[in-house]
């Protein structure tokens, strides 16, 4: 069994954007379109998982004295 190389969120997102672009152009046949769609679904799930994990880490880091504190975001 071959292990897949771990990819970063950014790599997955870039590949997903490339797949979307190819599908939008409509220059590939049905079989390749389905393969691209399937890959896109896998990439979307991987990106969602990475975002959930990042959100959990942020929540843990934002916890103070056993309680979560929400702080307003300032774009400065």
Protein backbone atom coordinates (compact mmCIF):
# COMPACT_ATOMS: atom_id res chain seq x y z
CA UNK A 1 0.00 0.00 0.00
CA UNK A 2 1.36 3.41 -0.99
CA UNK A 3 1.15 6.27 1.48
CA UNK A 4 0.07 9.60 0.10
CA UNK A 5 2.31 12.56 0.79
CA UNK A 6 0.75 14.87 3.35
CA UNK A 7 -0.26 18.14 1.76
CA UNK A 8 -0.80 21.48 3.34
CA UNK A 9 -4.08 23.34 3.43
CA UNK A 10 -2.68 25.81 0.93
CA UNK A 11 -1.59 23.04 -1.47
CA UNK A 12 -5.01 21.40 -1.28
CA UNK A 13 -6.77 24.70 -1.87
CA UNK A 14 -4.54 25.52 -4.86
CA UNK A 15 -5.21 22.09 -6.39
CA UNK A 16 -8.94 22.52 -5.79
CA UNK A 17 -8.89 25.91 -7.53
CA UNK A 18 -7.07 24.36 -10.48
CA UNK A 19 -9.64 21.55 -10.73
CA UNK A 20 -12.52 24.03 -10.63
CA UNK A 21 -10.90 26.05 -13.40
CA UNK A 22 -10.47 22.95 -15.58
CA UNK A 23 -14.07 21.88 -15.00
CA UNK A 24 -15.38 25.36 -15.78
CA UNK A 25 -13.50 25.41 -19.09
CA UNK A 26 -15.27 22.21 -20.15
CA UNK A 27 -12.31 20.96 -22.16
CA UNK A 28 -12.14 17.51 -20.58
CA UNK A 29 -14.26 14.46 -21.28
CA UNK A 30 -16.95 13.10 -18.98
CA UNK A 31 -14.78 10.41 -17.41
CA UNK A 32 -12.02 12.88 -16.55
CA UNK A 33 -14.61 15.37 -15.32
CA UNK A 34 -15.95 12.77 -12.90
CA UNK A 35 -12.45 11.93 -11.68
CA UNK A 36 -11.73 15.63 -11.19
CA UNK A 37 -15.03 16.09 -9.35
CA UNK A 38 -14.23 13.14 -7.08
CA UNK A 39 -10.77 14.55 -6.35
CA UNK A 40 -12.34 17.95 -5.67
CA UNK A 41 -14.70 16.43 -3.11
CA UNK A 42 -11.75 14.78 -1.34
CA UNK A 43 -9.81 18.05 -1.35
CA UNK A 44 -12.82 19.95 -0.03
CA UNK A 45 -13.18 17.50 2.85
CA UNK A 46 -9.46 17.73 3.63
CA UNK A 47 -9.65 21.54 3.66
CA UNK A 48 -12.72 21.48 5.91
CA UNK A 49 -10.95 19.12 8.31
CA UNK A 50 -7.86 21.35 8.41
CA UNK A 51 -10.02 24.40 9.13
CA UNK A 52 -11.87 22.58 11.92
CA UNK A 53 -8.57 21.53 13.50
CA UNK A 54 -7.24 25.07 13.28
CA UNK A 55 -10.41 26.43 14.87
CA UNK A 56 -10.09 23.94 17.73
CA UNK A 57 -6.47 24.98 18.31
CA UNK A 58 -7.47 28.64 18.39
CA UNK A 59 -10.25 27.89 20.88
CA UNK A 60 -7.79 26.05 23.12
CA UNK A 61 -5.30 28.90 22.91
CA UNK A 62 -7.98 31.48 23.66
CA UNK A 63 -9.06 29.65 26.81
CA UNK A 64 -8.07 31.50 29.98
CA UNK A 65 -8.49 30.08 33.49
CA UNK A 66 -10.68 27.27 32.22
CA UNK A 67 -13.17 29.55 30.48
CA UNK A 68 -13.24 30.83 26.96
CA UNK A 69 -13.08 34.54 26.45
CA UNK A 70 -14.18 36.14 23.23
CA UNK A 71 -12.19 39.13 22.18
CA UNK A 72 -13.31 41.52 19.45
CA UNK A 73 -11.37 41.36 16.22
CA UNK A 74 -9.76 44.60 15.20
CA UNK A 75 -8.40 44.99 11.72
CA UNK A 76 -5.48 47.28 12.50
